[in-house]
Amino acid sequence: MQLKPIFLVIEDNLIDQLVITQLLKKVLEIDQIVMANNGKEGIEWLIAQKKIESLIILLDIQMPIMNGFEFLYAFEKLNKEIRKEIQIYVLSSTLDPDELEHISKNDNVTGFLNKPFPIEEFKRKFT
């Protein structure tokens, strides 16, 4: 039996949080979902973990306190042991060519998904 990953959803919009959580539970049967309201909360949660077996991060870009790009910068500074088992999917509605280029060139980003959360597209990547 394959170990199901933990999902860390870094998203400030409460409606998006609810929709993403419900889609993960119903479509992918994920039961371990951690919610962070901004990048700072996400980094703090990662640092607090002793060992992460399999983690997928769904990362919004536009957030208060610490946005998605600032999160990626802080993530890069984390210990390689923490980062190695983590996949990051940027989940955003941005159309800004500079932001899209920045996302595509980041080695820590596994993929980009357009909002609203395209669960069927993600399911194909995930399974």
N, C-alpha and C. Protein backbone atom coordinates (compact mmCIF):
# COMPACT_ATOMS: atom_id res chain seq x y z
N MET A 1 0.84 -1.19 0.00
CA MET A 1 0.00 0.00 0.00
C MET A 1 0.88 1.24 0.00
N GLN A 2 0.61 2.16 -0.93
CA GLN A 2 1.39 3.38 -1.03
C GLN A 2 0.94 4.37 0.03
N LEU A 3 1.91 5.00 0.67
CA LEU A 3 1.63 6.00 1.68
C LEU A 3 1.03 7.24 1.03
N LYS A 4 -0.12 7.68 1.53
CA LYS A 4 -0.73 8.90 0.99
C LYS A 4 0.02 10.09 1.56
N PRO A 5 0.26 11.09 0.72
CA PRO A 5 1.00 12.26 1.20
C PRO A 5 0.16 13.14 2.12
N ILE A 6 0.86 13.95 2.86
CA ILE A 6 0.22 15.02 3.61
C ILE A 6 0.16 16.20 2.64
N PHE A 7 -0.91 16.95 2.69
CA PHE A 7 -1.03 18.15 1.88
C PHE A 7 -0.93 19.37 2.78
N LEU A 8 -0.08 20.31 2.41
CA LEU A 8 0.00 21.61 3.06
C LEU A 8 -0.54 22.61 2.06
N VAL A 9 -1.68 23.20 2.38
CA VAL A 9 -2.31 24.19 1.51
C VAL A 9 -1.98 25.56 2.08
N ILE A 10 -1.25 26.35 1.31
CA ILE A 10 -0.88 27.70 1.74
C ILE A 10 -1.71 28.67 0.91
N GLU A 11 -2.77 29.16 1.53
CA GLU A 11 -3.80 29.92 0.83
C GLU A 11 -4.51 30.83 1.83
N ASP A 12 -4.67 32.10 1.49
CA ASP A 12 -5.30 33.03 2.42
C ASP A 12 -6.81 33.16 2.24
N ASN A 13 -7.33 32.75 1.09
CA ASN A 13 -8.75 32.89 0.81
C ASN A 13 -9.53 31.72 1.43
N LEU A 14 -10.46 32.04 2.33
CA LEU A 14 -11.18 31.00 3.07
C LEU A 14 -12.04 30.13 2.15
N ILE A 15 -12.64 30.71 1.12
CA ILE A 15 -13.45 29.92 0.20
C ILE A 15 -12.56 28.94 -0.57
N ASP A 16 -11.41 29.42 -1.06
CA ASP A 16 -10.48 28.53 -1.75
C ASP A 16 -10.00 27.42 -0.81
N GLN A 17 -9.74 27.76 0.44
CA GLN A 17 -9.32 26.74 1.42
C GLN A 17 -10.38 25.64 1.53
N LEU A 18 -11.63 26.04 1.65
CA LEU A 18 -12.72 25.08 1.81
C LEU A 18 -12.88 24.22 0.55
N VAL A 19 -12.86 24.85 -0.63
CA VAL A 19 -13.03 24.12 -1.89
C VAL A 19 -11.89 23.13 -2.09
N ILE A 20 -10.66 23.57 -1.89
CA ILE A 20 -9.50 22.70 -2.08
C ILE A 20 -9.55 21.52 -1.11
N THR A 21 -9.87 21.80 0.14
CA THR A 21 -9.96 20.74 1.15
C THR A 21 -11.01 19.70 0.75
N GLN A 22 -12.19 20.15 0.35
CA GLN A 22 -13.26 19.22 -0.03
C GLN A 22 -12.89 18.40 -1.26
N LEU A 23 -12.26 19.04 -2.26
CA LEU A 23 -11.86 18.31 -3.46
C LEU A 23 -10.80 17.25 -3.14
N LEU A 24 -9.82 17.61 -2.31
CA LEU A 24 -8.78 16.64 -1.94
C LEU A 24 -9.39 15.44 -1.21
N LYS A 25 -10.33 15.72 -0.30
CA LYS A 25 -10.95 14.64 0.46
C LYS A 25 -11.84 13.76 -0.41
N LYS A 26 -12.66 14.37 -1.24
CA LYS A 26 -13.64 13.60 -2.02
C LYS A 26 -13.03 12.92 -3.24
N VAL A 27 -12.17 13.62 -3.99
CA VAL A 27 -11.65 13.08 -5.24
C VAL A 27 -10.41 12.21 -5.02
N LEU A 28 -9.51 12.67 -4.15
CA LEU A 28 -8.26 11.92 -3.94
C LEU A 28 -8.24 11.14 -2.64
N GLU A 29 -9.31 11.26 -1.85
CA GLU A 29 -9.42 10.56 -0.56
C GLU A 29 -8.24 10.87 0.36
N ILE A 30 -7.85 12.13 0.38
CA ILE A 30 -6.77 12.61 1.25
C ILE A 30 -7.37 12.99 2.59
N ASP A 31 -6.78 12.51 3.67
CA ASP A 31 -7.31 12.85 4.98
C ASP A 31 -6.36 13.73 5.80
N GLN A 32 -5.13 13.85 5.38
CA GLN A 32 -4.19 14.69 6.13
C GLN A 32 -3.93 15.97 5.35
N ILE A 33 -4.65 17.02 5.74
CA ILE A 33 -4.54 18.32 5.09
C ILE A 33 -4.26 19.36 6.16
N VAL A 34 -3.16 20.08 5.97
CA VAL A 34 -2.78 21.15 6.89
C VAL A 34 -3.01 22.47 6.15
N MET A 35 -3.59 23.45 6.84
CA MET A 35 -3.89 24.72 6.23
C MET A 35 -3.00 25.80 6.84
N ALA A 36 -2.40 26.62 5.95
CA ALA A 36 -1.63 27.78 6.38
C ALA A 36 -2.21 28.98 5.65
N ASN A 37 -2.40 30.09 6.35
CA ASN A 37 -3.03 31.27 5.77
C ASN A 37 -2.08 32.16 4.98
N ASN A 38 -0.78 31.87 5.09
CA ASN A 38 0.22 32.65 4.35
C ASN A 38 1.53 31.87 4.37
N GLY A 39 2.50 32.36 3.61
CA GLY A 39 3.78 31.67 3.52
C GLY A 39 4.51 31.55 4.84
N LYS A 40 4.39 32.55 5.69
CA LYS A 40 5.07 32.52 6.99
C LYS A 40 4.55 31.35 7.83
N GLU A 41 3.24 31.17 7.86
CA GLU A 41 2.67 30.03 8.60
C GLU A 41 3.14 28.71 7.99
N GLY A 42 3.23 28.67 6.66
CA GLY A 42 3.70 27.46 5.98
C GLY A 42 5.13 27.11 6.35
N ILE A 43 6.02 28.09 6.33
CA ILE A 43 7.43 27.87 6.69
C ILE A 43 7.53 27.44 8.15
N GLU A 44 6.79 28.11 9.03
CA GLU A 44 6.82 27.76 10.45
C GLU A 44 6.36 26.32 10.66
N TRP A 45 5.32 25.89 9.94
CA TRP A 45 4.85 24.51 10.07
C TRP A 45 5.92 23.54 9.60
N LEU A 46 6.56 23.83 8.46
CA LEU A 46 7.61 22.95 7.93
C LEU A 46 8.76 22.81 8.93
N ILE A 47 9.18 23.91 9.51
CA ILE A 47 10.30 23.90 10.47
C ILE A 47 9.93 23.09 11.71
N ALA A 48 8.67 23.14 12.12
CA ALA A 48 8.22 22.43 13.32
C ALA A 48 8.15 20.91 13.14
N GLN A 49 8.13 20.44 11.90
CA GLN A 49 8.02 19.01 11.64
C GLN A 49 9.37 18.33 11.86
N LYS A 50 9.35 17.21 12.51
CA LYS A 50 10.59 16.46 12.75
C LYS A 50 11.00 15.68 11.51
N LYS A 51 10.03 15.04 10.88
CA LYS A 51 10.32 14.24 9.70
C LYS A 51 9.09 14.27 8.80
N ILE A 52 9.32 14.52 7.53
CA ILE A 52 8.22 14.56 6.58
C ILE A 52 8.47 13.48 5.55
N GLU A 53 7.63 12.47 5.53
CA GLU A 53 7.78 11.35 4.60
C GLU A 53 7.40 11.75 3.18
N SER A 54 6.22 12.30 3.03
CA SER A 54 5.71 12.65 1.71
C SER A 54 4.77 13.83 1.86
N LEU A 55 5.16 14.96 1.27
CA LEU A 55 4.38 16.18 1.44
C LEU A 55 4.20 16.85 0.09
N ILE A 56 2.98 17.29 -0.16
CA ILE A 56 2.67 18.08 -1.34
C ILE A 56 2.16 19.43 -0.85
N ILE A 57 2.76 20.49 -1.36
CA ILE A 57 2.34 21.84 -1.01
C ILE A 57 1.58 22.44 -2.19
N LEU A 58 0.40 22.98 -1.90
CA LEU A 58 -0.35 23.77 -2.86
C LEU A 58 -0.18 25.22 -2.43
N LEU A 59 0.51 26.01 -3.23
CA LEU A 59 0.97 27.35 -2.83
C LEU A 59 0.30 28.44 -3.66
N ASP A 60 -0.40 29.32 -2.98
CA ASP A 60 -0.95 30.52 -3.62
C ASP A 60 0.19 31.54 -3.74
N ILE A 61 0.03 32.50 -4.62
CA ILE A 61 1.05 33.54 -4.79
C ILE A 61 0.70 34.81 -4.01
N GLN A 62 -0.49 35.35 -4.26
CA GLN A 62 -0.88 36.62 -3.65
C GLN A 62 -1.49 36.39 -2.27
N MET A 63 -0.68 36.71 -1.23
CA MET A 63 -1.13 36.56 0.15
C MET A 63 -0.50 37.67 0.99
N PRO A 64 -1.16 38.05 2.08
CA PRO A 64 -0.54 39.01 2.99
C PRO A 64 0.55 38.35 3.83
N ILE A 65 1.31 39.13 4.53
CA ILE A 65 2.37 38.73 5.46
C ILE A 65 3.56 38.13 4.72
N MET A 66 3.41 37.00 4.05
CA MET A 66 4.47 36.40 3.23
C MET A 66 3.81 35.78 2.01
N ASN A 67 4.09 36.34 0.83
CA ASN A 67 3.46 35.82 -0.38
C ASN A 67 4.16 34.55 -0.86
N GLY A 68 3.68 33.99 -1.94
CA GLY A 68 4.21 32.73 -2.46
C GLY A 68 5.67 32.82 -2.88
N PHE A 69 6.06 33.93 -3.50
CA PHE A 69 7.45 34.08 -3.91
C PHE A 69 8.39 34.20 -2.71
N GLU A 70 7.94 34.92 -1.69
CA GLU A 70 8.73 35.02 -0.45
C GLU A 70 8.82 33.65 0.22
N PHE A 71 7.74 32.88 0.17
CA PHE A 71 7.76 31.51 0.70
C PHE A 71 8.82 30.69 -0.03
N LEU A 72 8.83 30.74 -1.36
CA LEU A 72 9.80 29.96 -2.13
C LEU A 72 11.23 30.36 -1.79
N TYR A 73 11.45 31.64 -1.56
CA TYR A 73 12.79 32.12 -1.17
C TYR A 73 13.17 31.56 0.20
N ALA A 74 12.25 31.61 1.16
CA ALA A 74 12.51 31.07 2.50
C ALA A 74 12.66 29.55 2.45
N PHE A 75 11.88 28.89 1.61
CA PHE A 75 11.95 27.44 1.46
C PHE A 75 13.33 27.02 0.98
N GLU A 76 13.89 27.77 0.07
CA GLU A 76 15.22 27.47 -0.48
C GLU A 76 16.28 27.44 0.62
N LYS A 77 16.07 28.19 1.68
CA LYS A 77 17.03 28.28 2.78
C LYS A 77 16.88 27.15 3.80
N LEU A 78 15.80 26.37 3.68
CA LEU A 78 15.61 25.26 4.62
C LEU A 78 16.62 24.15 4.34
N ASN A 79 16.85 23.34 5.35
CA ASN A 79 17.73 22.19 5.25
C ASN A 79 17.30 21.28 4.10
N LYS A 80 18.27 20.77 3.34
CA LYS A 80 17.97 19.90 2.21
C LYS A 80 17.19 18.66 2.63
N GLU A 81 17.43 18.16 3.83
CA GLU A 81 16.71 16.99 4.31
C GLU A 81 15.22 17.27 4.43
N ILE A 82 14.87 18.48 4.81
CA ILE A 82 13.46 18.86 4.91
C ILE A 82 12.86 18.97 3.51
N ARG A 83 13.60 19.56 2.59
CA ARG A 83 13.08 19.87 1.25
C ARG A 83 12.97 18.68 0.31
N LYS A 84 13.75 17.62 0.53
CA LYS A 84 13.89 16.58 -0.50
C LYS A 84 12.62 15.79 -0.78
N GLU A 85 11.75 15.61 0.17
CA GLU A 85 10.54 14.81 -0.03
C GLU A 85 9.30 15.67 -0.30
N ILE A 86 9.52 16.92 -0.70
CA ILE A 86 8.41 17.86 -0.85
C ILE A 86 8.21 18.23 -2.31
N GLN A 87 6.96 18.19 -2.74
CA GLN A 87 6.59 18.68 -4.06
C GLN A 87 5.77 19.96 -3.87
N ILE A 88 6.09 20.99 -4.64
CA ILE A 88 5.35 22.25 -4.55
C ILE A 88 4.64 22.51 -5.87
N TYR A 89 3.33 22.69 -5.77
CA TYR A 89 2.53 23.10 -6.92
C TYR A 89 2.01 24.50 -6.64
N VAL A 90 2.36 25.43 -7.50
CA VAL A 90 1.85 26.78 -7.37
C VAL A 90 0.43 26.77 -7.93
N LEU A 91 -0.50 27.26 -7.13
CA LEU A 91 -1.91 27.30 -7.49
C LEU A 91 -2.32 28.77 -7.52
N SER A 92 -2.47 29.32 -8.72
CA SER A 92 -2.68 30.75 -8.84
C SER A 92 -3.50 31.09 -10.07
N SER A 93 -4.06 32.28 -10.07
CA SER A 93 -4.80 32.77 -11.24
C SER A 93 -3.98 33.82 -11.98
N THR A 94 -2.70 33.94 -11.66
CA THR A 94 -1.87 34.97 -12.28
C THR A 94 -1.73 34.76 -13.78
N LEU A 95 -1.73 35.87 -14.49
CA LEU A 95 -1.46 35.88 -15.92
C LEU A 95 -0.21 36.71 -16.21
N ASP A 96 0.39 37.24 -15.16
CA ASP A 96 1.58 38.09 -15.29
C ASP A 96 2.74 37.27 -15.85
N PRO A 97 3.26 37.65 -17.03
CA PRO A 97 4.35 36.87 -17.65
C PRO A 97 5.60 36.80 -16.78
N ASP A 98 5.90 37.86 -16.04
CA ASP A 98 7.08 37.84 -15.16
C ASP A 98 6.89 36.85 -14.02
N GLU A 99 5.70 36.82 -13.45
CA GLU A 99 5.43 35.86 -12.37
C GLU A 99 5.47 34.43 -12.89
N LEU A 100 4.86 34.20 -14.06
CA LEU A 100 4.87 32.86 -14.64
C LEU A 100 6.28 32.39 -14.95
N GLU A 101 7.12 33.30 -15.44
CA GLU A 101 8.51 32.94 -15.72
C GLU A 101 9.25 32.62 -14.43
N HIS A 102 9.03 33.45 -13.41
CA HIS A 102 9.66 33.23 -12.11
C HIS A 102 9.28 31.85 -11.54
N ILE A 103 8.02 31.49 -11.69
CA ILE A 103 7.53 30.19 -11.20
C ILE A 103 8.19 29.06 -11.99
N SER A 104 8.22 29.18 -13.31
CA SER A 104 8.74 28.10 -14.15
C SER A 104 10.24 27.88 -13.97
N LYS A 105 10.96 28.93 -13.55
CA LYS A 105 12.41 28.81 -13.39
C LYS A 105 12.83 28.37 -11.98
N ASN A 106 11.86 28.27 -11.07
CA ASN A 106 12.20 27.88 -9.70
C ASN A 106 12.34 26.36 -9.62
N ASP A 107 13.51 25.90 -9.24
CA ASP A 107 13.79 24.46 -9.17
C ASP A 107 12.95 23.72 -8.13
N ASN A 108 12.43 24.43 -7.15
CA ASN A 108 11.63 23.79 -6.10
C ASN A 108 10.17 23.61 -6.49
N VAL A 109 9.75 24.24 -7.58
CA VAL A 109 8.36 24.15 -8.02
C VAL A 109 8.19 22.95 -8.95
N THR A 110 7.32 22.04 -8.55
CA THR A 110 7.03 20.84 -9.33
C THR A 110 6.13 21.16 -10.51
N GLY A 111 5.16 22.07 -10.31
CA GLY A 111 4.23 22.38 -11.37
C GLY A 111 3.39 23.60 -11.05
N PHE A 112 2.68 24.08 -12.07
CA PHE A 112 1.80 25.24 -11.94
C PHE A 112 0.38 24.80 -12.28
N LEU A 113 -0.57 25.21 -11.45
CA LEU A 113 -1.98 24.91 -11.66
C LEU A 113 -2.77 26.21 -11.61
N ASN A 114 -3.67 26.39 -12.59
CA ASN A 114 -4.52 27.58 -12.60
C ASN A 114 -5.68 27.42 -11.64
N LYS A 115 -6.03 28.51 -10.97
CA LYS A 115 -7.24 28.53 -10.15
C LYS A 115 -8.42 28.71 -11.08
N PRO A 116 -9.60 28.19 -10.74
CA PRO A 116 -9.86 27.38 -9.55
C PRO A 116 -9.16 26.02 -9.64
N PHE A 117 -8.91 25.42 -8.48
CA PHE A 117 -8.13 24.20 -8.38
C PHE A 117 -8.63 23.15 -9.37
N PRO A 118 -7.82 22.81 -10.38
CA PRO A 118 -8.23 21.84 -11.40
C PRO A 118 -8.00 20.40 -10.91
N ILE A 119 -8.90 19.90 -10.11
CA ILE A 119 -8.69 18.63 -9.42
C ILE A 119 -8.49 17.46 -10.39
N GLU A 120 -9.19 17.44 -11.49
CA GLU A 120 -9.02 16.32 -12.43
C GLU A 120 -7.64 16.35 -13.08
N GLU A 121 -7.17 17.55 -13.46
CA GLU A 121 -5.81 17.69 -14.02
C GLU A 121 -4.78 17.28 -12.97
N PHE A 122 -4.99 17.72 -11.73
CA PHE A 122 -4.06 17.38 -10.66
C PHE A 122 -4.09 15.88 -10.38
N LYS A 123 -5.26 15.28 -10.43
CA LYS A 123 -5.39 13.83 -10.18
C LYS A 123 -4.55 13.04 -11.18
N ARG A 124 -4.52 13.47 -12.44
CA ARG A 124 -3.72 12.78 -13.44
C ARG A 124 -2.22 12.89 -13.13
N LYS A 125 -1.78 14.01 -12.58
CA LYS A 125 -0.37 14.17 -12.21
C LYS A 125 -0.04 13.35 -10.96
N PHE A 126 -1.02 13.29 -10.09
CA PHE A 126 -0.85 12.70 -8.76
C PHE A 126 -0.89 11.19 -8.80
N THR A 127 -1.70 10.59 -9.68
CA THR A 127 -1.85 9.14 -9.68
C THR A 127 -1.00 8.47 -10.72
